[in-house]
Amino acid sequence: MKFEKKAVIFDLDGVICFTDKYHYQAWKALADRLGIYFDEKINDRLRGVSRMASLEIILERATETYTEEQKEAFATEKNDTYRDLLKNMSPADLTDEVKDTLNELRNRGYKLSIGSSSKNTKFILGQLGLGDFFDAIADGTDITHSKPDPEVFLKSAAKIGIDPADCAVVEDAKAGIEAAKAGGMTALALFGDAKGCGMEDYDLTSFSDLLNIL
């Protein structure tokens, strides 16, 4: 199967790079401090979900009730820990496969953008040496609704001036696939619970498989 598209919109975490371990470590540190049980299975529920929505999932097991002010402080604490961990990232964390595929897509004339719920998107891209690579970035600082709402992908498409129907979205999360389809885009599943979720248009075998289907 081949798709004729003009642009490719990428999720960041789990697609371009892998920061899952840092998210897990940061949430785990907060949960442990609050005495709340947290494991990798719970962490899987946080894929593609905003920071505050992720916090609410973690607090489902809390024995105390917290104010909105306290929740904001918890979210800030987690993000500070996460950003400290991200300082360990470098261009070496970008695989040759991802780098070569992105460059080839650019050479073929595709518009390339990021659609991520993370508010740390630009910081992470900078750490990877991709700060100025993409034609546009839509992230958690641009949206009020996280995936599966299509807002971040629609804003990404608008920033590059391409109709949603002419965009392919690469996602590793089921929520991201739902968001892409809700936005009228072609949804390509790579890794995670996106693959085999039943809503994707295509399951990628690897990142470079994009070159075979676009």
N, C-alpha and C. Protein backbone atom coordinates (compact mmCIF):
# COMPACT_ATOMS: atom_id res chain seq x y z
N MET A 1 0.84 -1.19 0.00
CA MET A 1 0.00 0.00 0.00
C MET A 1 0.88 1.25 0.00
N LYS A 2 0.54 2.21 -0.85
CA LYS A 2 1.28 3.47 -0.88
C LYS A 2 0.31 4.64 -0.68
N PHE A 3 0.81 5.70 -0.05
CA PHE A 3 0.00 6.88 0.22
C PHE A 3 0.63 8.09 -0.45
N GLU A 4 -0.18 8.85 -1.19
CA GLU A 4 0.31 10.09 -1.80
C GLU A 4 -0.05 11.24 -0.86
N LYS A 5 0.95 11.78 -0.20
CA LYS A 5 0.75 12.85 0.76
C LYS A 5 1.73 13.99 0.49
N LYS A 6 1.47 15.13 1.09
CA LYS A 6 2.36 16.28 0.93
C LYS A 6 3.16 16.57 2.20
N ALA A 7 2.71 16.01 3.32
CA ALA A 7 3.38 16.31 4.59
C ALA A 7 3.32 15.12 5.52
N VAL A 8 4.29 15.06 6.42
CA VAL A 8 4.31 14.03 7.45
C VAL A 8 4.42 14.73 8.80
N ILE A 9 3.49 14.41 9.70
CA ILE A 9 3.50 14.97 11.04
C ILE A 9 3.90 13.85 12.00
N PHE A 10 4.91 14.11 12.80
CA PHE A 10 5.44 13.10 13.70
C PHE A 10 5.11 13.41 15.16
N ASP A 11 4.67 12.40 15.87
CA ASP A 11 4.70 12.48 17.32
C ASP A 11 6.18 12.48 17.70
N LEU A 12 6.52 12.90 18.90
CA LEU A 12 7.93 12.97 19.29
C LEU A 12 8.35 11.76 20.11
N ASP A 13 7.83 11.67 21.33
CA ASP A 13 8.23 10.57 22.22
C ASP A 13 7.78 9.23 21.66
N GLY A 14 8.71 8.30 21.50
CA GLY A 14 8.39 6.98 21.01
C GLY A 14 8.40 6.87 19.51
N VAL A 15 8.62 7.98 18.80
CA VAL A 15 8.67 7.98 17.34
C VAL A 15 10.01 8.52 16.85
N ILE A 16 10.25 9.81 17.11
CA ILE A 16 11.53 10.42 16.73
C ILE A 16 12.62 9.99 17.72
N CYS A 17 12.26 9.95 18.98
CA CYS A 17 13.21 9.56 20.03
C CYS A 17 12.44 8.83 21.13
N PHE A 18 13.18 8.36 22.11
CA PHE A 18 12.56 7.60 23.18
C PHE A 18 12.92 8.23 24.53
N THR A 19 11.94 8.92 25.09
CA THR A 19 12.14 9.55 26.40
C THR A 19 11.28 8.88 27.46
N ASP A 20 10.67 7.75 27.08
CA ASP A 20 9.76 7.05 28.00
C ASP A 20 10.41 6.79 29.35
N LYS A 21 11.67 6.37 29.33
CA LYS A 21 12.33 6.02 30.59
C LYS A 21 12.46 7.23 31.50
N TYR A 22 12.64 8.41 30.90
CA TYR A 22 12.76 9.63 31.71
C TYR A 22 11.41 10.03 32.30
N HIS A 23 10.34 9.88 31.48
CA HIS A 23 9.00 10.14 32.00
C HIS A 23 8.70 9.21 33.17
N TYR A 24 9.00 7.95 32.97
CA TYR A 24 8.72 6.96 34.01
C TYR A 24 9.48 7.28 35.28
N GLN A 25 10.77 7.57 35.16
CA GLN A 25 11.58 7.87 36.34
C GLN A 25 11.08 9.10 37.09
N ALA A 26 10.65 10.12 36.33
CA ALA A 26 10.17 11.36 36.95
C ALA A 26 8.83 11.14 37.66
N TRP A 27 7.90 10.43 36.99
CA TRP A 27 6.60 10.14 37.63
C TRP A 27 6.78 9.21 38.82
N LYS A 28 7.68 8.25 38.68
CA LYS A 28 7.93 7.30 39.76
C LYS A 28 8.47 8.01 40.99
N ALA A 29 9.37 8.97 40.78
CA ALA A 29 9.93 9.73 41.90
C ALA A 29 8.84 10.49 42.65
N LEU A 30 7.91 11.10 41.89
CA LEU A 30 6.82 11.84 42.51
C LEU A 30 5.88 10.89 43.24
N ALA A 31 5.49 9.80 42.58
CA ALA A 31 4.57 8.84 43.19
C ALA A 31 5.16 8.25 44.47
N ASP A 32 6.43 7.90 44.44
CA ASP A 32 7.08 7.34 45.63
C ASP A 32 7.07 8.34 46.78
N ARG A 33 7.32 9.60 46.46
CA ARG A 33 7.32 10.62 47.51
C ARG A 33 5.95 10.78 48.14
N LEU A 34 4.90 10.59 47.32
CA LEU A 34 3.53 10.74 47.82
C LEU A 34 2.98 9.43 48.39
N GLY A 35 3.77 8.38 48.29
CA GLY A 35 3.31 7.08 48.80
C GLY A 35 2.23 6.44 47.94
N ILE A 36 2.30 6.67 46.63
CA ILE A 36 1.30 6.14 45.69
C ILE A 36 1.95 5.06 44.84
N TYR A 37 1.27 3.93 44.72
CA TYR A 37 1.81 2.85 43.90
C TYR A 37 1.83 3.25 42.43
N PHE A 38 2.96 2.97 41.78
CA PHE A 38 3.12 3.32 40.36
C PHE A 38 4.07 2.32 39.72
N ASP A 39 3.66 1.76 38.58
CA ASP A 39 4.52 0.81 37.89
C ASP A 39 4.46 1.08 36.38
N GLU A 40 5.17 0.24 35.61
CA GLU A 40 5.25 0.48 34.18
C GLU A 40 3.91 0.26 33.47
N LYS A 41 3.08 -0.60 34.02
CA LYS A 41 1.76 -0.82 33.42
C LYS A 41 0.91 0.44 33.52
N ILE A 42 0.97 1.09 34.69
CA ILE A 42 0.24 2.36 34.86
C ILE A 42 0.86 3.41 33.95
N ASN A 43 2.18 3.38 33.85
CA ASN A 43 2.89 4.34 33.01
C ASN A 43 2.45 4.24 31.55
N ASP A 44 2.11 3.04 31.09
CA ASP A 44 1.65 2.86 29.71
C ASP A 44 0.37 3.63 29.43
N ARG A 45 -0.43 3.85 30.47
CA ARG A 45 -1.68 4.60 30.29
C ARG A 45 -1.42 6.09 30.04
N LEU A 46 -0.20 6.53 30.29
CA LEU A 46 0.12 7.94 30.16
C LEU A 46 0.59 8.32 28.76
N ARG A 47 0.74 7.34 27.87
CA ARG A 47 1.22 7.62 26.52
C ARG A 47 0.28 8.57 25.77
N GLY A 48 0.87 9.64 25.25
CA GLY A 48 0.10 10.60 24.47
C GLY A 48 -0.85 11.45 25.27
N VAL A 49 -0.76 11.38 26.61
CA VAL A 49 -1.67 12.11 27.49
C VAL A 49 -0.96 13.33 28.07
N SER A 50 -1.69 14.42 28.27
CA SER A 50 -1.09 15.64 28.81
C SER A 50 -0.58 15.42 30.23
N ARG A 51 0.25 16.34 30.68
CA ARG A 51 0.86 16.21 32.01
C ARG A 51 -0.18 16.18 33.12
N MET A 52 -1.16 17.08 33.07
CA MET A 52 -2.16 17.14 34.13
C MET A 52 -3.07 15.91 34.08
N ALA A 53 -3.40 15.46 32.87
CA ALA A 53 -4.23 14.25 32.75
C ALA A 53 -3.46 13.03 33.25
N SER A 54 -2.16 13.01 33.00
CA SER A 54 -1.31 11.92 33.51
C SER A 54 -1.29 11.92 35.03
N LEU A 55 -1.20 13.10 35.61
CA LEU A 55 -1.19 13.23 37.06
C LEU A 55 -2.49 12.69 37.65
N GLU A 56 -3.61 12.99 37.01
CA GLU A 56 -4.90 12.51 37.50
C GLU A 56 -4.95 10.98 37.50
N ILE A 57 -4.35 10.36 36.49
CA ILE A 57 -4.31 8.89 36.42
C ILE A 57 -3.50 8.35 37.60
N ILE A 58 -2.39 8.98 37.89
CA ILE A 58 -1.54 8.54 39.01
C ILE A 58 -2.26 8.73 40.34
N LEU A 59 -2.98 9.84 40.47
CA LEU A 59 -3.66 10.14 41.73
C LEU A 59 -4.91 9.29 41.96
N GLU A 60 -5.28 8.46 41.00
CA GLU A 60 -6.41 7.55 41.19
C GLU A 60 -6.15 6.63 42.39
N ARG A 61 -4.88 6.37 42.67
CA ARG A 61 -4.52 5.45 43.76
C ARG A 61 -4.11 6.19 45.04
N ALA A 62 -4.30 7.49 45.04
CA ALA A 62 -3.94 8.28 46.23
C ALA A 62 -4.97 8.08 47.34
N THR A 63 -4.51 8.11 48.57
CA THR A 63 -5.41 7.99 49.72
C THR A 63 -5.83 9.36 50.22
N GLU A 64 -5.20 10.41 49.71
CA GLU A 64 -5.53 11.77 50.09
C GLU A 64 -6.17 12.51 48.92
N THR A 65 -6.86 13.58 49.24
CA THR A 65 -7.44 14.45 48.22
C THR A 65 -6.59 15.71 48.15
N TYR A 66 -6.24 16.12 46.94
CA TYR A 66 -5.35 17.26 46.77
C TYR A 66 -6.07 18.42 46.09
N THR A 67 -5.67 19.62 46.43
CA THR A 67 -6.24 20.83 45.82
C THR A 67 -5.63 21.02 44.43
N GLU A 68 -6.26 21.87 43.65
CA GLU A 68 -5.74 22.17 42.32
C GLU A 68 -4.36 22.80 42.42
N GLU A 69 -4.17 23.61 43.45
CA GLU A 69 -2.86 24.25 43.65
C GLU A 69 -1.78 23.20 43.92
N GLN A 70 -2.12 22.22 44.74
CA GLN A 70 -1.16 21.15 45.02
C GLN A 70 -0.87 20.33 43.77
N LYS A 71 -1.90 20.08 42.97
CA LYS A 71 -1.70 19.32 41.73
C LYS A 71 -0.79 20.06 40.77
N GLU A 72 -0.97 21.36 40.69
CA GLU A 72 -0.09 22.16 39.82
C GLU A 72 1.35 22.05 40.30
N ALA A 73 1.53 22.07 41.62
CA ALA A 73 2.87 21.96 42.19
C ALA A 73 3.46 20.58 41.89
N PHE A 74 2.63 19.53 41.97
CA PHE A 74 3.10 18.18 41.66
C PHE A 74 3.55 18.08 40.19
N ALA A 75 2.74 18.66 39.31
CA ALA A 75 3.07 18.62 37.88
C ALA A 75 4.37 19.36 37.60
N THR A 76 4.56 20.48 38.27
CA THR A 76 5.79 21.24 38.11
C THR A 76 6.98 20.46 38.63
N GLU A 77 6.80 19.81 39.78
CA GLU A 77 7.86 18.99 40.37
C GLU A 77 8.27 17.87 39.41
N LYS A 78 7.28 17.18 38.85
CA LYS A 78 7.59 16.11 37.90
C LYS A 78 8.33 16.66 36.70
N ASN A 79 7.87 17.80 36.16
CA ASN A 79 8.50 18.35 34.97
C ASN A 79 9.93 18.79 35.24
N ASP A 80 10.17 19.34 36.42
CA ASP A 80 11.54 19.76 36.77
C ASP A 80 12.47 18.54 36.82
N THR A 81 11.97 17.45 37.41
CA THR A 81 12.76 16.22 37.46
C THR A 81 13.01 15.69 36.05
N TYR A 82 11.96 15.71 35.24
CA TYR A 82 12.04 15.22 33.86
C TYR A 82 13.05 16.02 33.05
N ARG A 83 13.01 17.34 33.16
CA ARG A 83 13.93 18.19 32.40
C ARG A 83 15.38 17.97 32.84
N ASP A 84 15.57 17.73 34.12
CA ASP A 84 16.92 17.43 34.59
C ASP A 84 17.43 16.15 33.94
N LEU A 85 16.55 15.16 33.83
CA LEU A 85 16.93 13.90 33.20
C LEU A 85 17.19 14.08 31.70
N LEU A 86 16.42 14.96 31.07
CA LEU A 86 16.57 15.19 29.64
C LEU A 86 17.91 15.81 29.28
N LYS A 87 18.54 16.43 30.24
CA LYS A 87 19.85 17.04 29.97
C LYS A 87 20.88 16.00 29.59
N ASN A 88 20.56 14.73 29.86
CA ASN A 88 21.46 13.65 29.48
C ASN A 88 21.36 13.30 28.01
N MET A 89 20.31 13.80 27.33
CA MET A 89 20.12 13.50 25.92
C MET A 89 21.08 14.31 25.06
N SER A 90 21.40 13.74 23.89
CA SER A 90 22.31 14.41 22.95
C SER A 90 21.98 13.92 21.55
N PRO A 91 22.61 14.48 20.50
CA PRO A 91 22.39 13.99 19.14
C PRO A 91 22.67 12.50 18.99
N ALA A 92 23.44 11.93 19.90
CA ALA A 92 23.74 10.49 19.86
C ALA A 92 22.49 9.65 20.12
N ASP A 93 21.44 10.25 20.72
CA ASP A 93 20.20 9.54 20.98
C ASP A 93 19.29 9.49 19.75
N LEU A 94 19.70 10.14 18.67
CA LEU A 94 18.95 10.09 17.42
C LEU A 94 19.57 9.01 16.55
N THR A 95 18.81 7.98 16.25
CA THR A 95 19.37 6.86 15.49
C THR A 95 19.67 7.27 14.05
N ASP A 96 20.61 6.56 13.44
CA ASP A 96 20.94 6.82 12.04
C ASP A 96 19.73 6.58 11.15
N GLU A 97 18.91 5.58 11.49
CA GLU A 97 17.73 5.29 10.70
C GLU A 97 16.77 6.47 10.68
N VAL A 98 16.52 7.04 11.83
CA VAL A 98 15.62 8.20 11.91
C VAL A 98 16.22 9.39 11.17
N LYS A 99 17.48 9.65 11.41
CA LYS A 99 18.15 10.78 10.77
C LYS A 99 18.14 10.65 9.25
N ASP A 100 18.52 9.48 8.74
CA ASP A 100 18.59 9.28 7.29
C ASP A 100 17.20 9.33 6.66
N THR A 101 16.20 8.78 7.36
CA THR A 101 14.83 8.79 6.82
C THR A 101 14.29 10.21 6.74
N LEU A 102 14.49 10.98 7.79
CA LEU A 102 14.03 12.37 7.79
C LEU A 102 14.68 13.17 6.67
N ASN A 103 15.98 12.97 6.48
CA ASN A 103 16.68 13.70 5.43
C ASN A 103 16.19 13.30 4.05
N GLU A 104 15.90 12.01 3.85
CA GLU A 104 15.40 11.55 2.55
C GLU A 104 14.00 12.08 2.28
N LEU A 105 13.15 12.10 3.31
CA LEU A 105 11.81 12.66 3.13
C LEU A 105 11.90 14.14 2.77
N ARG A 106 12.82 14.84 3.40
CA ARG A 106 13.01 16.26 3.07
C ARG A 106 13.49 16.40 1.63
N ASN A 107 14.41 15.53 1.21
CA ASN A 107 14.91 15.58 -0.17
C ASN A 107 13.81 15.29 -1.18
N ARG A 108 12.82 14.49 -0.78
CA ARG A 108 11.71 14.17 -1.69
C ARG A 108 10.66 15.27 -1.73
N GLY A 109 10.84 16.29 -0.93
CA GLY A 109 9.95 17.45 -1.00
C GLY A 109 8.80 17.47 -0.01
N TYR A 110 8.78 16.55 0.94
CA TYR A 110 7.71 16.54 1.93
C TYR A 110 7.90 17.65 2.96
N LYS A 111 6.81 18.23 3.39
CA LYS A 111 6.83 19.11 4.56
C LYS A 111 6.85 18.21 5.79
N LEU A 112 7.69 18.55 6.75
CA LEU A 112 7.83 17.72 7.95
C LEU A 112 7.56 18.56 9.18
N SER A 113 6.71 18.05 10.06
CA SER A 113 6.39 18.80 11.27
C SER A 113 6.21 17.86 12.46
N ILE A 114 6.15 18.46 13.62
CA ILE A 114 5.96 17.72 14.87
C ILE A 114 4.59 18.06 15.44
N GLY A 115 3.90 17.04 15.96
CA GLY A 115 2.64 17.24 16.67
C GLY A 115 2.71 16.45 17.96
N SER A 116 3.08 17.11 19.03
CA SER A 116 3.30 16.43 20.32
C SER A 116 2.59 17.16 21.45
N SER A 117 2.05 16.40 22.38
CA SER A 117 1.38 17.00 23.53
C SER A 117 2.37 17.52 24.57
N SER A 118 3.64 17.16 24.41
CA SER A 118 4.65 17.57 25.38
C SER A 118 4.97 19.06 25.30
N LYS A 119 5.09 19.68 26.46
CA LYS A 119 5.51 21.08 26.51
C LYS A 119 7.04 21.21 26.47
N ASN A 120 7.70 20.07 26.46
CA ASN A 120 9.17 20.06 26.40
C ASN A 120 9.69 19.75 25.00
N THR A 121 8.80 19.78 24.02
CA THR A 121 9.16 19.37 22.66
C THR A 121 10.37 20.12 22.12
N LYS A 122 10.35 21.44 22.18
CA LYS A 122 11.44 22.23 21.61
C LYS A 122 12.75 21.97 22.35
N PHE A 123 12.69 21.79 23.65
CA PHE A 123 13.89 21.50 24.44
C PHE A 123 14.49 20.17 24.00
N ILE A 124 13.64 19.15 23.85
CA ILE A 124 14.11 17.83 23.44
C ILE A 124 14.72 17.87 22.04
N LEU A 125 14.04 18.53 21.12
CA LEU A 125 14.57 18.63 19.76
C LEU A 125 15.92 19.34 19.75
N GLY A 126 16.06 20.32 20.61
CA GLY A 126 17.35 21.02 20.73
C GLY A 126 18.44 20.09 21.22
N GLN A 127 18.10 19.27 22.19
CA GLN A 127 19.07 18.31 22.73
C GLN A 127 19.50 17.30 21.66
N LEU A 128 18.57 16.98 20.75
CA LEU A 128 18.85 16.00 19.69
C LEU A 128 19.55 16.63 18.49
N GLY A 129 19.68 17.95 18.49
CA GLY A 129 20.27 18.63 17.35
C GLY A 129 19.29 18.86 16.22
N LEU A 130 18.00 18.79 16.53
CA LEU A 130 16.95 18.98 15.53
C LEU A 130 16.15 20.27 15.75
N GLY A 131 16.71 21.19 16.50
CA GLY A 131 15.97 22.39 16.86
C GLY A 131 15.43 23.18 15.69
N ASP A 132 16.15 23.20 14.57
CA ASP A 132 15.75 23.98 13.40
C ASP A 132 15.40 23.12 12.20
N PHE A 133 15.25 21.82 12.41
CA PHE A 133 15.07 20.91 11.27
C PHE A 133 13.65 20.93 10.71
N PHE A 134 12.65 20.88 11.56
CA PHE A 134 11.27 20.72 11.10
C PHE A 134 10.67 22.03 10.59
N ASP A 135 9.74 21.89 9.65
CA ASP A 135 9.09 23.07 9.07
C ASP A 135 8.18 23.76 10.07
N ALA A 136 7.65 22.98 11.02
CA ALA A 136 6.78 23.56 12.05
C ALA A 136 6.72 22.62 13.25
N ILE A 137 6.38 23.19 14.39
CA ILE A 137 6.22 22.42 15.62
C ILE A 137 4.94 22.86 16.30
N ALA A 138 4.07 21.92 16.59
CA ALA A 138 2.89 22.18 17.42
C ALA A 138 3.05 21.27 18.63
N ASP A 139 2.96 21.87 19.82
CA ASP A 139 3.16 21.06 21.02
C ASP A 139 2.21 21.46 22.13
N GLY A 140 2.52 21.00 23.33
CA GLY A 140 1.63 21.25 24.46
C GLY A 140 1.43 22.71 24.81
N THR A 141 2.33 23.58 24.33
CA THR A 141 2.18 25.01 24.60
C THR A 141 1.18 25.66 23.66
N ASP A 142 0.77 24.93 22.61
CA ASP A 142 -0.14 25.49 21.60
C ASP A 142 -1.59 25.04 21.76
N ILE A 143 -1.83 24.06 22.63
CA ILE A 143 -3.14 23.43 22.64
C ILE A 143 -3.83 23.50 24.01
N THR A 144 -5.13 23.32 23.97
CA THR A 144 -5.92 23.24 25.21
C THR A 144 -6.48 21.84 25.40
N HIS A 145 -6.45 21.03 24.34
CA HIS A 145 -6.97 19.66 24.41
C HIS A 145 -5.88 18.70 23.95
N SER A 146 -5.60 17.68 24.76
CA SER A 146 -4.58 16.70 24.38
C SER A 146 -5.22 15.57 23.58
N LYS A 147 -4.39 14.74 22.98
CA LYS A 147 -4.88 13.58 22.23
C LYS A 147 -5.71 12.69 23.16
N PRO A 148 -6.80 12.12 22.67
CA PRO A 148 -7.18 11.88 21.27
C PRO A 148 -7.88 13.03 20.55
N ASP A 149 -7.95 14.20 21.16
CA ASP A 149 -8.45 15.35 20.43
C ASP A 149 -7.45 15.67 19.31
N PRO A 150 -7.90 16.01 18.12
CA PRO A 150 -7.00 16.24 16.98
C PRO A 150 -6.32 17.61 16.97
N GLU A 151 -6.56 18.42 18.00
CA GLU A 151 -6.10 19.81 17.97
C GLU A 151 -4.63 19.96 17.60
N VAL A 152 -3.74 19.19 18.23
CA VAL A 152 -2.31 19.39 18.00
C VAL A 152 -1.93 19.07 16.55
N PHE A 153 -2.56 18.07 15.96
CA PHE A 153 -2.26 17.72 14.57
C PHE A 153 -2.84 18.75 13.60
N LEU A 154 -4.03 19.23 13.91
CA LEU A 154 -4.64 20.26 13.06
C LEU A 154 -3.83 21.55 13.09
N LYS A 155 -3.31 21.89 14.26
CA LYS A 155 -2.48 23.10 14.36
C LYS A 155 -1.15 22.90 13.63
N SER A 156 -0.63 21.69 13.70
CA SER A 156 0.62 21.39 13.00
C SER A 156 0.42 21.52 11.49
N ALA A 157 -0.69 20.98 10.99
CA ALA A 157 -0.99 21.07 9.56
C ALA A 157 -1.19 22.52 9.13
N ALA A 158 -1.87 23.29 9.98
CA ALA A 158 -2.12 24.70 9.67
C ALA A 158 -0.81 25.48 9.60
N LYS A 159 0.12 25.15 10.48
CA LYS A 159 1.40 25.88 10.51
C LYS A 159 2.22 25.64 9.26
N ILE A 160 2.07 24.48 8.63
CA ILE A 160 2.82 24.22 7.40
C ILE A 160 1.98 24.48 6.16
N GLY A 161 0.72 24.88 6.37
CA GLY A 161 -0.14 25.25 5.27
C GLY A 161 -0.57 24.09 4.38
N ILE A 162 -0.74 22.90 4.98
CA ILE A 162 -1.14 21.72 4.22
C ILE A 162 -2.50 21.24 4.73
N ASP A 163 -3.38 20.89 3.79
CA ASP A 163 -4.70 20.37 4.15
C ASP A 163 -4.53 19.07 4.94
N PRO A 164 -5.31 18.89 6.01
CA PRO A 164 -5.20 17.66 6.81
C PRO A 164 -5.28 16.38 5.98
N ALA A 165 -6.10 16.37 4.94
CA ALA A 165 -6.25 15.18 4.11
C ALA A 165 -4.97 14.82 3.37
N ASP A 166 -4.07 15.78 3.25
CA ASP A 166 -2.79 15.55 2.56
C ASP A 166 -1.66 15.29 3.55
N CYS A 167 -2.02 15.03 4.82
CA CYS A 167 -1.02 14.78 5.85
C CYS A 167 -1.07 13.34 6.34
N ALA A 168 0.11 12.77 6.56
CA ALA A 168 0.23 11.48 7.21
C ALA A 168 0.80 11.72 8.60
N VAL A 169 0.24 11.04 9.58
CA VAL A 169 0.69 11.17 10.97
C VAL A 169 1.36 9.87 11.40
N VAL A 170 2.53 9.98 12.03
CA VAL A 170 3.24 8.81 12.55
C VAL A 170 3.13 8.82 14.07
N GLU A 171 2.54 7.79 14.63
CA GLU A 171 2.24 7.74 16.06
C GLU A 171 2.60 6.38 16.67
N ASP A 172 2.91 6.42 17.98
CA ASP A 172 3.14 5.17 18.71
C ASP A 172 2.05 4.90 19.73
N ALA A 173 1.10 5.83 19.86
CA ALA A 173 0.04 5.70 20.87
C ALA A 173 -1.33 5.62 20.22
N LYS A 174 -2.19 4.79 20.80
CA LYS A 174 -3.55 4.65 20.30
C LYS A 174 -4.27 5.99 20.31
N ALA A 175 -4.05 6.78 21.37
CA ALA A 175 -4.69 8.09 21.46
C ALA A 175 -4.27 8.98 20.30
N GLY A 176 -3.02 8.83 19.87
CA GLY A 176 -2.53 9.62 18.75
C GLY A 176 -3.15 9.18 17.44
N ILE A 177 -3.35 7.88 17.28
CA ILE A 177 -4.01 7.37 16.08
C ILE A 177 -5.44 7.89 16.02
N GLU A 178 -6.13 7.86 17.16
CA GLU A 178 -7.50 8.40 17.23
C GLU A 178 -7.52 9.87 16.85
N ALA A 179 -6.53 10.61 17.33
CA ALA A 179 -6.46 12.04 17.04
C ALA A 179 -6.24 12.29 15.55
N ALA A 180 -5.35 11.51 14.95
CA ALA A 180 -5.08 11.66 13.52
C ALA A 180 -6.33 11.40 12.69
N LYS A 181 -7.03 10.32 13.01
CA LYS A 181 -8.24 9.98 12.26
C LYS A 181 -9.33 11.02 12.47
N ALA A 182 -9.45 11.52 13.71
CA ALA A 182 -10.45 12.55 14.00
C ALA A 182 -10.16 13.83 13.22
N GLY A 183 -8.88 14.05 12.92
CA GLY A 183 -8.49 15.24 12.17
C GLY A 183 -8.52 15.04 10.65
N GLY A 184 -8.97 13.86 10.20
CA GLY A 184 -9.07 13.60 8.78
C GLY A 184 -7.75 13.28 8.11
N MET A 185 -6.78 12.77 8.88
CA MET A 185 -5.45 12.47 8.36
C MET A 185 -5.22 10.97 8.25
N THR A 186 -4.23 10.59 7.47
CA THR A 186 -3.83 9.19 7.36
C THR A 186 -2.98 8.85 8.59
N ALA A 187 -3.31 7.76 9.26
CA ALA A 187 -2.65 7.41 10.51
C ALA A 187 -1.72 6.21 10.30
N LEU A 188 -0.44 6.42 10.59
CA LEU A 188 0.58 5.38 10.45
C LEU A 188 1.07 5.00 11.84
N ALA A 189 0.94 3.73 12.19
CA ALA A 189 1.28 3.26 13.53
C ALA A 189 2.69 2.69 13.58
N LEU A 190 3.46 3.16 14.55
CA LEU A 190 4.82 2.69 14.76
C LEU A 190 5.03 2.43 16.24
N PHE A 191 5.24 1.18 16.60
CA PHE A 191 5.48 0.80 17.99
C PHE A 191 4.25 1.00 18.88
N GLY A 192 4.42 0.73 20.17
CA GLY A 192 3.42 1.00 21.19
C GLY A 192 2.06 0.38 20.92
N ASP A 193 1.05 0.93 21.59
CA ASP A 193 -0.30 0.41 21.43
C ASP A 193 -1.00 0.98 20.21
N ALA A 194 -0.27 1.77 19.41
CA ALA A 194 -0.82 2.25 18.14
C ALA A 194 -0.95 1.11 17.16
N LYS A 195 0.06 0.23 17.14
CA LYS A 195 0.05 -0.89 16.20
C LYS A 195 -1.03 -1.90 16.59
N GLY A 196 -1.84 -2.22 15.61
CA GLY A 196 -2.88 -3.21 15.84
C GLY A 196 -4.07 -2.70 16.62
N CYS A 197 -4.18 -1.37 16.79
CA CYS A 197 -5.31 -0.84 17.56
C CYS A 197 -6.61 -0.88 16.77
N GLY A 198 -6.49 -1.08 15.45
CA GLY A 198 -7.68 -1.22 14.62
C GLY A 198 -8.15 0.04 13.94
N MET A 199 -7.55 1.18 14.28
CA MET A 199 -7.95 2.44 13.66
C MET A 199 -6.90 2.99 12.70
N GLU A 200 -5.70 2.41 12.74
CA GLU A 200 -4.62 2.91 11.90
C GLU A 200 -4.84 2.52 10.44
N ASP A 201 -4.27 3.31 9.53
CA ASP A 201 -4.35 3.00 8.10
C ASP A 201 -3.22 2.06 7.69
N TYR A 202 -2.13 2.07 8.46
CA TYR A 202 -0.99 1.22 8.12
C TYR A 202 -0.12 1.04 9.35
N ASP A 203 0.40 -0.19 9.49
CA ASP A 203 1.37 -0.48 10.56
C ASP A 203 2.77 -0.46 9.96
N LEU A 204 3.60 0.43 10.43
CA LEU A 204 4.98 0.51 9.96
C LEU A 204 5.81 -0.59 10.61
N THR A 205 6.68 -1.22 9.83
CA THR A 205 7.57 -2.23 10.40
C THR A 205 8.79 -1.59 11.04
N SER A 206 9.14 -0.40 10.56
CA SER A 206 10.27 0.36 11.10
C SER A 206 10.11 1.81 10.66
N PHE A 207 10.90 2.69 11.23
CA PHE A 207 10.80 4.11 10.88
C PHE A 207 11.10 4.31 9.39
N SER A 208 12.09 3.61 8.88
CA SER A 208 12.48 3.76 7.48
C SER A 208 11.44 3.22 6.51
N ASP A 209 10.47 2.46 7.01
CA ASP A 209 9.39 1.95 6.16
C ASP A 209 8.58 3.09 5.55
N LEU A 210 8.69 4.26 6.13
CA LEU A 210 8.03 5.44 5.56
C LEU A 210 8.47 5.68 4.11
N LEU A 211 9.72 5.37 3.83
CA LEU A 211 10.26 5.61 2.49
C LEU A 211 9.64 4.66 1.47
N ASN A 212 9.09 3.55 1.92
CA ASN A 212 8.49 2.57 1.01
C ASN A 212 7.03 2.84 0.72
N ILE A 213 6.36 3.55 1.63
CA ILE A 213 4.91 3.72 1.46
C ILE A 213 4.50 5.14 1.07
N LEU A 214 5.42 6.11 1.20
CA LEU A 214 5.08 7.49 0.83
C LEU A 214 5.67 7.83 -0.55
